[in-house]
């Protein structure tokens, strides 16, 4: 929780636009809780439309604190995504 204020600062005061991140070419997993605030869901979908290789996953019955309340479940999804990317060569261990 100690880094939450810096996360808000980064989100509010960032000088980057969607155009700046549209060229990110690596597969990206974006997760959001279906019970999260609408603003969080909108940001996730906007990023999903912007990043060319984004995979967007809505987490049923979870909110925006899912990594804290259900870390095992969230981490398993991340592990599966990364394993698939490693096996198809999209990422290497060095990335």
PDB file of N, CA and C in Angstrom:
ATOM      1  N   UNK A   1       0.812  -1.195   0.000  1.00  0.00           N
ATOM      2  CA  UNK A   1       0.000   0.000   0.000  1.00  0.00           C
ATOM      3  C   UNK A   1       0.857   1.262   0.000  1.00  0.00           C
ATOM      4  N   UNK A   2       2.119   1.133   0.340  1.00  0.00           N
ATOM      5  CA  UNK A   2       2.954   2.333   0.401  1.00  0.00           C
ATOM      6  C   UNK A   2       3.189   2.943  -0.977  1.00  0.00           C
ATOM      7  N   UNK A   3       3.037   2.175  -2.042  1.00  0.00           N
ATOM      8  CA  UNK A   3       3.281   2.734  -3.363  1.00  0.00           C
ATOM      9  C   UNK A   3       2.025   3.275  -4.032  1.00  0.00           C
ATOM     10  N   UNK A   4       0.874   3.146  -3.400  1.00  0.00           N
ATOM     11  CA  UNK A   4      -0.382   3.625  -3.997  1.00  0.00           C
ATOM     12  C   UNK A   4      -0.315   5.111  -4.359  1.00  0.00           C
ATOM     13  N   UNK A   5       0.178   5.987  -3.467  1.00  0.00           N
ATOM     14  CA  UNK A   5       0.232   7.407  -3.854  1.00  0.00           C
ATOM     15  C   UNK A   5       1.067   7.653  -5.114  1.00  0.00           C
ATOM     16  N   UNK A   6       2.170   6.940  -5.269  1.00  0.00           N
ATOM     17  CA  UNK A   6       2.982   7.146  -6.476  1.00  0.00           C
ATOM     18  C   UNK A   6       2.276   6.614  -7.723  1.00  0.00           C
ATOM     19  N   UNK A   7       1.453   5.574  -7.558  1.00  0.00           N
ATOM     20  CA  UNK A   7       0.668   5.064  -8.688  1.00  0.00           C
ATOM     21  C   UNK A   7      -0.350   6.110  -9.140  1.00  0.00           C
ATOM     22  N   UNK A   8      -1.016   6.753  -8.186  1.00  0.00           N
ATOM     23  CA  UNK A   8      -1.964   7.812  -8.535  1.00  0.00           C
ATOM     24  C   UNK A   8      -1.235   8.967  -9.213  1.00  0.00           C
ATOM     25  N   UNK A   9      -0.082   9.361  -8.684  1.00  0.00           N
ATOM     26  CA  UNK A   9       0.686  10.439  -9.305  1.00  0.00           C
ATOM     27  C   UNK A   9       1.061  10.085 -10.743  1.00  0.00           C
ATOM     28  N   UNK A  10       1.499   8.856 -10.953  1.00  0.00           N
ATOM     29  CA  UNK A  10       1.888   8.424 -12.298  1.00  0.00           C
ATOM     30  C   UNK A  10       0.689   8.470 -13.246  1.00  0.00           C
ATOM     31  N   UNK A  11      -0.464   8.045 -12.772  1.00  0.00           N
ATOM     32  CA  UNK A  11      -1.653   8.038 -13.620  1.00  0.00           C
ATOM     33  C   UNK A  11      -2.156   9.451 -13.915  1.00  0.00           C
ATOM     34  N   UNK A  12      -2.116  10.311 -12.930  1.00  0.00           N
ATOM     35  CA  UNK A  12      -2.678  11.653 -13.087  1.00  0.00           C
ATOM     36  C   UNK A  12      -1.738  12.577 -13.849  1.00  0.00           C
ATOM     37  N   UNK A  13      -0.444  12.476 -13.574  1.00  0.00           N
ATOM     38  CA  UNK A  13       0.502  13.436 -14.128  1.00  0.00           C
ATOM     39  C   UNK A  13       1.328  12.910 -15.299  1.00  0.00           C
ATOM     40  N   UNK A  14       1.006  11.739 -15.787  1.00  0.00           N
ATOM     41  CA  UNK A  14       1.764  11.167 -16.904  1.00  0.00           C
ATOM     42  C   UNK A  14       1.664  12.053 -18.136  1.00  0.00           C
ATOM     43  N   UNK A  15       2.755  12.193 -18.831  1.00  0.00           N
ATOM     44  CA  UNK A  15       2.790  12.964 -20.067  1.00  0.00           C
ATOM     45  C   UNK A  15       2.632  12.066 -21.295  1.00  0.00           C
ATOM     46  N   UNK A  16       2.509  10.755 -21.069  1.00  0.00           N
ATOM     47  CA  UNK A  16       2.358   9.826 -22.189  1.00  0.00           C
ATOM     48  C   UNK A  16       0.909   9.780 -22.647  1.00  0.00           C
ATOM     49  N   UNK A  17       0.750   9.619 -23.942  1.00  0.00           N
ATOM     50  CA  UNK A  17      -0.586   9.481 -24.512  1.00  0.00           C
ATOM     51  C   UNK A  17      -0.762   8.033 -24.982  1.00  0.00           C
ATOM     52  N   UNK A  18      -1.962   7.700 -25.376  1.00  0.00           N
ATOM     53  CA  UNK A  18      -2.196   6.367 -25.938  1.00  0.00           C
ATOM     54  C   UNK A  18      -1.353   6.163 -27.184  1.00  0.00           C
ATOM     55  N   UNK A  19      -1.159   7.230 -27.943  1.00  0.00           N
ATOM     56  CA  UNK A  19      -0.318   7.151 -29.138  1.00  0.00           C
ATOM     57  C   UNK A  19       1.100   6.693 -28.775  1.00  0.00           C
ATOM     58  N   UNK A  20       1.605   7.147 -27.639  1.00  0.00           N
ATOM     59  CA  UNK A  20       2.958   6.799 -27.212  1.00  0.00           C
ATOM     60  C   UNK A  20       3.113   5.315 -26.911  1.00  0.00           C
ATOM     61  N   UNK A  21       2.060   4.666 -26.460  1.00  0.00           N
ATOM     62  CA  UNK A  21       2.182   3.252 -26.107  1.00  0.00           C
ATOM     63  C   UNK A  21       1.652   2.321 -27.192  1.00  0.00           C
ATOM     64  N   UNK A  22       1.061   2.870 -28.247  1.00  0.00           N
ATOM     65  CA  UNK A  22       0.455   2.052 -29.295  1.00  0.00           C
ATOM     66  C   UNK A  22       1.477   1.192 -30.029  1.00  0.00           C
ATOM     67  N   UNK A  23       2.727   1.571 -29.977  1.00  0.00           N
ATOM     68  CA  UNK A  23       3.764   0.814 -30.668  1.00  0.00           C
ATOM     69  C   UNK A  23       4.365  -0.320 -29.860  1.00  0.00           C
ATOM     70  N   UNK A  24       3.905  -0.499 -28.617  1.00  0.00           N
ATOM     71  CA  UNK A  24       4.429  -1.590 -27.795  1.00  0.00           C
ATOM     72  C   UNK A  24       4.019  -2.910 -28.433  1.00  0.00           C
ATOM     73  N   UNK A  25       5.000  -3.682 -28.866  1.00  0.00           N
ATOM     74  CA  UNK A  25       4.701  -4.829 -29.724  1.00  0.00           C
ATOM     75  C   UNK A  25       4.659  -6.183 -29.018  1.00  0.00           C
ATOM     76  N   UNK A  26       4.871  -6.214 -27.732  1.00  0.00           N
ATOM     77  CA  UNK A  26       4.866  -7.489 -27.013  1.00  0.00           C
ATOM     78  C   UNK A  26       3.453  -7.862 -26.574  1.00  0.00           C
ATOM     79  N   UNK A  27       3.142  -9.156 -26.553  1.00  0.00           N
ATOM     80  CA  UNK A  27       1.857  -9.583 -26.004  1.00  0.00           C
ATOM     81  C   UNK A  27       1.719  -9.101 -24.560  1.00  0.00           C
ATOM     82  N   UNK A  28       0.537  -8.618 -24.243  1.00  0.00           N
ATOM     83  CA  UNK A  28       0.281  -8.024 -22.932  1.00  0.00           C
ATOM     84  C   UNK A  28      -1.031  -8.564 -22.376  1.00  0.00           C
ATOM     85  N   UNK A  29      -1.015  -8.979 -21.125  1.00  0.00           N
ATOM     86  CA  UNK A  29      -2.219  -9.435 -20.458  1.00  0.00           C
ATOM     87  C   UNK A  29      -2.759  -8.297 -19.602  1.00  0.00           C
ATOM     88  N   UNK A  30      -4.001  -7.921 -19.849  1.00  0.00           N
ATOM     89  CA  UNK A  30      -4.682  -6.894 -19.063  1.00  0.00           C
ATOM     90  C   UNK A  30      -5.839  -7.565 -18.347  1.00  0.00           C
ATOM     91  N   UNK A  31      -5.823  -7.501 -17.039  1.00  0.00           N
ATOM     92  CA  UNK A  31      -6.885  -8.100 -16.236  1.00  0.00           C
ATOM     93  C   UNK A  31      -7.610  -7.020 -15.468  1.00  0.00           C
ATOM     94  N   UNK A  32      -8.907  -7.218 -15.313  1.00  0.00           N
ATOM     95  CA  UNK A  32      -9.686  -6.313 -14.475  1.00  0.00           C
ATOM     96  C   UNK A  32     -10.820  -7.105 -13.845  1.00  0.00           C
ATOM     97  N   UNK A  33     -11.222  -6.702 -12.677  1.00  0.00           N
ATOM     98  CA  UNK A  33     -12.345  -7.347 -12.017  1.00  0.00           C
ATOM     99  C   UNK A  33     -13.656  -6.835 -12.583  1.00  0.00           C
ATOM    100  N   UNK A  34     -14.569  -7.737 -12.882  1.00  0.00           N
ATOM    101  CA  UNK A  34     -15.873  -7.328 -13.400  1.00  0.00           C
ATOM    102  C   UNK A  34     -16.675  -6.538 -12.369  1.00  0.00           C
ATOM    103  N   UNK A  35     -16.266  -6.626 -11.093  1.00  0.00           N
ATOM    104  CA  UNK A  35     -16.896  -5.832 -10.045  1.00  0.00           C
ATOM    105  C   UNK A  35     -16.097  -4.567  -9.728  1.00  0.00           C
ATOM    106  N   UNK A  36     -15.108  -4.261 -10.553  1.00  0.00           N
ATOM    107  CA  UNK A  36     -14.300  -3.048 -10.366  1.00  0.00           C
ATOM    108  C   UNK A  36     -15.114  -1.819 -10.763  1.00  0.00           C
ATOM    109  N   UNK A  37     -14.670  -0.641 -10.315  1.00  0.00           N
ATOM    110  CA  UNK A  37     -15.342   0.588 -10.737  1.00  0.00           C
ATOM    111  C   UNK A  37     -15.341   0.721 -12.262  1.00  0.00           C
ATOM    112  N   UNK A  38     -16.367   1.357 -12.785  1.00  0.00           N
ATOM    113  CA  UNK A  38     -16.489   1.526 -14.238  1.00  0.00           C
ATOM    114  C   UNK A  38     -15.265   2.211 -14.836  1.00  0.00           C
ATOM    115  N   UNK A  39     -14.685   3.160 -14.112  1.00  0.00           N
ATOM    116  CA  UNK A  39     -13.514   3.872 -14.640  1.00  0.00           C
ATOM    117  C   UNK A  39     -12.344   2.915 -14.859  1.00  0.00           C
ATOM    118  N   UNK A  40     -12.140   1.990 -13.950  1.00  0.00           N
ATOM    119  CA  UNK A  40     -11.069   1.000 -14.081  1.00  0.00           C
ATOM    120  C   UNK A  40     -11.319   0.111 -15.292  1.00  0.00           C
ATOM    121  N   UNK A  41     -12.543  -0.313 -15.462  1.00  0.00           N
ATOM    122  CA  UNK A  41     -12.877  -1.163 -16.598  1.00  0.00           C
ATOM    123  C   UNK A  41     -12.683  -0.421 -17.921  1.00  0.00           C
ATOM    124  N   UNK A  42     -13.074   0.848 -17.967  1.00  0.00           N
ATOM    125  CA  UNK A  42     -12.919   1.640 -19.190  1.00  0.00           C
ATOM    126  C   UNK A  42     -11.455   1.833 -19.545  1.00  0.00           C
ATOM    127  N   UNK A  43     -10.630   2.097 -18.553  1.00  0.00           N
ATOM    128  CA  UNK A  43      -9.197   2.264 -18.800  1.00  0.00           C
ATOM    129  C   UNK A  43      -8.610   0.974 -19.362  1.00  0.00           C
ATOM    130  N   UNK A  44      -8.995  -0.148 -18.776  1.00  0.00           N
ATOM    131  CA  UNK A  44      -8.479  -1.435 -19.243  1.00  0.00           C
ATOM    132  C   UNK A  44      -8.879  -1.687 -20.688  1.00  0.00           C
ATOM    133  N   UNK A  45     -10.139  -1.446 -21.026  1.00  0.00           N
ATOM    134  CA  UNK A  45     -10.586  -1.669 -22.405  1.00  0.00           C
ATOM    135  C   UNK A  45      -9.932  -0.695 -23.372  1.00  0.00           C
ATOM    136  N   UNK A  46      -9.697   0.536 -22.952  1.00  0.00           N
ATOM    137  CA  UNK A  46      -9.018   1.503 -23.806  1.00  0.00           C
ATOM    138  C   UNK A  46      -7.581   1.057 -24.081  1.00  0.00           C
ATOM    139  N   UNK A  47      -6.904   0.604 -23.040  1.00  0.00           N
ATOM    140  CA  UNK A  47      -5.555   0.066 -23.238  1.00  0.00           C
ATOM    141  C   UNK A  47      -5.599  -1.166 -24.134  1.00  0.00           C
ATOM    142  N   UNK A  48      -6.605  -2.016 -23.946  1.00  0.00           N
ATOM    143  CA  UNK A  48      -6.746  -3.214 -24.771  1.00  0.00           C
ATOM    144  C   UNK A  48      -6.939  -2.903 -26.238  1.00  0.00           C
ATOM    145  N   UNK A  49      -7.645  -1.816 -26.539  1.00  0.00           N
ATOM    146  CA  UNK A  49      -7.834  -1.400 -27.932  1.00  0.00           C
ATOM    147  C   UNK A  49      -6.566  -0.770 -28.502  1.00  0.00           C
ATOM    148  N   UNK A  50      -5.766  -0.178 -27.633  1.00  0.00           N
ATOM    149  CA  UNK A  50      -4.585   0.566 -28.070  1.00  0.00           C
ATOM    150  C   UNK A  50      -3.375  -0.337 -28.287  1.00  0.00           C
ATOM    151  N   UNK A  51      -3.140  -1.257 -27.362  1.00  0.00           N
ATOM    152  CA  UNK A  51      -1.983  -2.139 -27.469  1.00  0.00           C
ATOM    153  C   UNK A  51      -2.260  -3.218 -28.511  1.00  0.00           C
ATOM    154  N   UNK A  52      -1.412  -3.341 -29.512  1.00  0.00           N
ATOM    155  CA  UNK A  52      -1.717  -4.239 -30.635  1.00  0.00           C
ATOM    156  C   UNK A  52      -1.818  -5.724 -30.270  1.00  0.00           C
ATOM    157  N   UNK A  53      -1.150  -6.155 -29.224  1.00  0.00           N
ATOM    158  CA  UNK A  53      -1.194  -7.570 -28.864  1.00  0.00           C
ATOM    159  C   UNK A  53      -1.739  -7.779 -27.452  1.00  0.00           C
ATOM    160  N   UNK A  54      -2.718  -6.983 -27.090  1.00  0.00           N
ATOM    161  CA  UNK A  54      -3.293  -7.091 -25.749  1.00  0.00           C
ATOM    162  C   UNK A  54      -4.331  -8.205 -25.691  1.00  0.00           C
ATOM    163  N   UNK A  55      -4.318  -8.906 -24.586  1.00  0.00           N
ATOM    164  CA  UNK A  55      -5.347  -9.888 -24.257  1.00  0.00           C
ATOM    165  C   UNK A  55      -6.047  -9.360 -23.008  1.00  0.00           C
ATOM    166  N   UNK A  56      -7.327  -9.053 -23.118  1.00  0.00           N
ATOM    167  CA  UNK A  56      -8.078  -8.462 -22.016  1.00  0.00           C
ATOM    168  C   UNK A  56      -8.926  -9.540 -21.362  1.00  0.00           C
ATOM    169  N   UNK A  57      -8.803  -9.661 -20.060  1.00  0.00           N
ATOM    170  CA  UNK A  57      -9.556 -10.658 -19.292  1.00  0.00           C
ATOM    171  C   UNK A  57     -10.338  -9.989 -18.170  1.00  0.00           C
ATOM    172  N   UNK A  58     -11.643 -10.173 -18.178  1.00  0.00           N
ATOM    173  CA  UNK A  58     -12.486  -9.727 -17.078  1.00  0.00           C
ATOM    174  C   UNK A  58     -12.602 -10.852 -16.061  1.00  0.00           C
ATOM    175  N   UNK A  59     -12.380 -10.541 -14.806  1.00  0.00           N
ATOM    176  CA  UNK A  59     -12.374 -11.546 -13.743  1.00  0.00           C
ATOM    177  C   UNK A  59     -13.721 -11.535 -13.029  1.00  0.00           C
ATOM    178  N   UNK A  60     -14.480 -12.611 -13.207  1.00  0.00           N
ATOM    179  CA  UNK A  60     -15.827 -12.737 -12.670  1.00  0.00           C
ATOM    180  C   UNK A  60     -15.829 -12.715 -11.144  1.00  0.00           C
ATOM    181  N   UNK A  61     -16.747 -11.958 -10.576  1.00  0.00           N
ATOM    182  CA  UNK A  61     -16.939 -11.853  -9.124  1.00  0.00           C
ATOM    183  C   UNK A  61     -15.727 -11.292  -8.382  1.00  0.00           C
ATOM    184  N   UNK A  62     -14.877 -10.535  -9.076  1.00  0.00           N
ATOM    185  CA  UNK A  62     -13.711  -9.931  -8.435  1.00  0.00           C
ATOM    186  C   UNK A  62     -13.710  -8.439  -8.699  1.00  0.00           C
ATOM    187  N   UNK A  63     -13.125  -7.701  -7.771  1.00  0.00           N
ATOM    188  CA  UNK A  63     -12.999  -6.262  -7.898  1.00  0.00           C
ATOM    189  C   UNK A  63     -11.577  -5.867  -8.235  1.00  0.00           C
ATOM    190  N   UNK A  64     -11.300  -4.585  -8.097  1.00  0.00           N
ATOM    191  CA  UNK A  64      -9.983  -4.071  -8.482  1.00  0.00           C
ATOM    192  C   UNK A  64      -8.871  -4.497  -7.523  1.00  0.00           C
ATOM    193  N   UNK A  65      -9.226  -5.066  -6.404  1.00  0.00           N
ATOM    194  CA  UNK A  65      -8.209  -5.546  -5.465  1.00  0.00           C
ATOM    195  C   UNK A  65      -7.972  -7.053  -5.591  1.00  0.00           C
ATOM    196  N   UNK A  66      -8.385  -7.646  -6.690  1.00  0.00           N
ATOM    197  CA  UNK A  66      -8.244  -9.093  -6.889  1.00  0.00           C
ATOM    198  C   UNK A  66      -6.820  -9.600  -6.648  1.00  0.00           C
ATOM    199  N   UNK A  67      -5.777  -8.875  -7.045  1.00  0.00           N
ATOM    200  CA  UNK A  67      -4.433  -9.379  -6.752  1.00  0.00           C
ATOM    201  C   UNK A  67      -4.158  -9.532  -5.255  1.00  0.00           C
ATOM    202  N   UNK A  68      -4.870  -8.738  -4.451  1.00  0.00           N
ATOM    203  CA  UNK A  68      -4.691  -8.839  -2.996  1.00  0.00           C
ATOM    204  C   UNK A  68      -5.654  -9.855  -2.375  1.00  0.00           C
ATOM    205  N   UNK A  69      -6.885  -9.892  -2.868  1.00  0.00           N
ATOM    206  CA  UNK A  69      -7.893 -10.762  -2.260  1.00  0.00           C
ATOM    207  C   UNK A  69      -7.847 -12.185  -2.796  1.00  0.00           C
ATOM    208  N   UNK A  70      -7.380 -12.375  -4.030  1.00  0.00           N
ATOM    209  CA  UNK A  70      -7.323 -13.693  -4.656  1.00  0.00           C
ATOM    210  C   UNK A  70      -5.993 -13.867  -5.402  1.00  0.00           C
ATOM    211  N   UNK A  71      -4.865 -13.691  -4.719  1.00  0.00           N
ATOM    212  CA  UNK A  71      -3.574 -13.717  -5.412  1.00  0.00           C
ATOM    213  C   UNK A  71      -3.271 -15.042  -6.099  1.00  0.00           C
ATOM    214  N   UNK A  72      -3.660 -16.155  -5.516  1.00  0.00           N
ATOM    215  CA  UNK A  72      -3.358 -17.442  -6.149  1.00  0.00           C
ATOM    216  C   UNK A  72      -4.049 -17.556  -7.501  1.00  0.00           C
ATOM    217  N   UNK A  73      -5.296 -17.167  -7.562  1.00  0.00           N
ATOM    218  CA  UNK A  73      -6.062 -17.271  -8.803  1.00  0.00           C
ATOM    219  C   UNK A  73      -5.511 -16.320  -9.861  1.00  0.00           C
ATOM    220  N   UNK A  74      -5.272 -15.073  -9.480  1.00  0.00           N
ATOM    221  CA  UNK A  74      -4.743 -14.072 -10.408  1.00  0.00           C
ATOM    222  C   UNK A  74      -3.356 -14.488 -10.892  1.00  0.00           C
ATOM    223  N   UNK A  75      -2.511 -14.934  -9.981  1.00  0.00           N
ATOM    224  CA  UNK A  75      -1.160 -15.341 -10.362  1.00  0.00           C
ATOM    225  C   UNK A  75      -1.153 -16.545 -11.296  1.00  0.00           C
ATOM    226  N   UNK A  76      -2.085 -17.479 -11.105  1.00  0.00           N
ATOM    227  CA  UNK A  76      -2.171 -18.619 -12.024  1.00  0.00           C
ATOM    228  C   UNK A  76      -2.496 -18.158 -13.440  1.00  0.00           C
ATOM    229  N   UNK A  77      -3.373 -17.180 -13.568  1.00  0.00           N
ATOM    230  CA  UNK A  77      -3.706 -16.652 -14.896  1.00  0.00           C
ATOM    231  C   UNK A  77      -2.484 -15.997 -15.536  1.00  0.00           C
ATOM    232  N   UNK A  78      -1.738 -15.258 -14.735  1.00  0.00           N
ATOM    233  CA  UNK A  78      -0.526 -14.609 -15.246  1.00  0.00           C
ATOM    234  C   UNK A  78       0.500 -15.663 -15.648  1.00  0.00           C
ATOM    235  N   UNK A  79       0.677 -16.667 -14.813  1.00  0.00           N
ATOM    236  CA  UNK A  79       1.627 -17.742 -15.124  1.00  0.00           C
ATOM    237  C   UNK A  79       1.262 -18.454 -16.418  1.00  0.00           C
ATOM    238  N   UNK A  80      -0.023 -18.751 -16.620  1.00  0.00           N
ATOM    239  CA  UNK A  80      -0.458 -19.411 -17.863  1.00  0.00           C
ATOM    240  C   UNK A  80      -0.172 -18.533 -19.071  1.00  0.00           C
ATOM    241  N   UNK A  81      -0.459 -17.241 -18.950  1.00  0.00           N
ATOM    242  CA  UNK A  81      -0.206 -16.318 -20.048  1.00  0.00           C
ATOM    243  C   UNK A  81       1.285 -16.279 -20.380  1.00  0.00           C
ATOM    244  N   UNK A  82       2.117 -16.103 -19.351  1.00  0.00           N
ATOM    245  CA  UNK A  82       3.565 -16.026 -19.591  1.00  0.00           C
ATOM    246  C   UNK A  82       4.124 -17.333 -20.129  1.00  0.00           C
ATOM    247  N   UNK A  83       3.646 -18.452 -19.624  1.00  0.00           N
ATOM    248  CA  UNK A  83       4.103 -19.750 -20.129  1.00  0.00           C
ATOM    249  C   UNK A  83       3.775 -19.902 -21.610  1.00  0.00           C
ATOM    250  N   UNK A  84       2.573 -19.496 -21.998  1.00  0.00           N
ATOM    251  CA  UNK A  84       2.184 -19.570 -23.407  1.00  0.00           C
ATOM    252  C   UNK A  84       3.070 -18.675 -24.261  1.00  0.00           C
ATOM    253  N   UNK A  85       3.396 -17.489 -23.750  1.00  0.00           N
ATOM    254  CA  UNK A  85       4.248 -16.566 -24.513  1.00  0.00           C
ATOM    255  C   UNK A  85       5.670 -17.105 -24.642  1.00  0.00           C
ATOM    256  N   UNK A  86       6.176 -17.713 -23.572  1.00  0.00           N
ATOM    257  CA  UNK A  86       7.519 -18.306 -23.635  1.00  0.00           C
ATOM    258  C   UNK A  86       7.558 -19.468 -24.616  1.00  0.00           C
ATOM    259  N   UNK A  87       6.516 -20.296 -24.599  1.00  0.00           N
ATOM    260  CA  UNK A  87       6.528 -21.466 -25.468  1.00  0.00           C
ATOM    261  C   UNK A  87       6.346 -21.105 -26.929  1.00  0.00           C
ATOM    262  N   UNK A  88       5.669 -19.990 -27.242  1.00  0.00           N
ATOM    263  CA  UNK A  88       5.522 -19.618 -28.657  1.00  0.00           C
ATOM    264  C   UNK A  88       6.585 -18.625 -29.108  1.00  0.00           C
ATOM    265  N   UNK A  89       7.530 -18.298 -28.229  1.00  0.00           N
ATOM    266  CA  UNK A  89       8.655 -17.458 -28.597  1.00  0.00           C
ATOM    267  C   UNK A  89       8.405 -15.961 -28.544  1.00  0.00           C
ATOM    268  N   UNK A  90       7.251 -15.531 -28.057  1.00  0.00           N
ATOM    269  CA  UNK A  90       6.955 -14.104 -27.990  1.00  0.00           C
ATOM    270  C   UNK A  90       7.843 -13.404 -26.972  1.00  0.00           C
ATOM    271  N   UNK A  91       8.204 -14.136 -25.932  1.00  0.00           N
ATOM    272  CA  UNK A  91       9.091 -13.616 -24.891  1.00  0.00           C
ATOM    273  C   UNK A  91      10.201 -14.626 -24.674  1.00  0.00           C
ATOM    274  N   UNK A  92      11.297 -14.131 -24.140  1.00  0.00           N
ATOM    275  CA  UNK A  92      12.377 -15.016 -23.700  1.00  0.00           C
ATOM    276  C   UNK A  92      12.596 -14.750 -22.223  1.00  0.00           C
ATOM    277  N   UNK A  93      13.332 -15.607 -21.583  1.00  0.00           N
ATOM    278  CA  UNK A  93      13.611 -15.417 -20.161  1.00  0.00           C
ATOM    279  C   UNK A  93      14.334 -14.097 -19.931  1.00  0.00           C
ATOM    280  N   UNK A  94      15.100 -13.632 -20.910  1.00  0.00           N
ATOM    281  CA  UNK A  94      15.846 -12.377 -20.785  1.00  0.00           C
ATOM    282  C   UNK A  94      14.924 -11.155 -20.801  1.00  0.00           C
ATOM    283  N   UNK A  95      13.725 -11.287 -21.362  1.00  0.00           N
ATOM    284  CA  UNK A  95      12.790 -10.150 -21.416  1.00  0.00           C
ATOM    285  C   UNK A  95      12.303  -9.851 -20.036  1.00  0.00           C
TER     286      UNK A  95
END
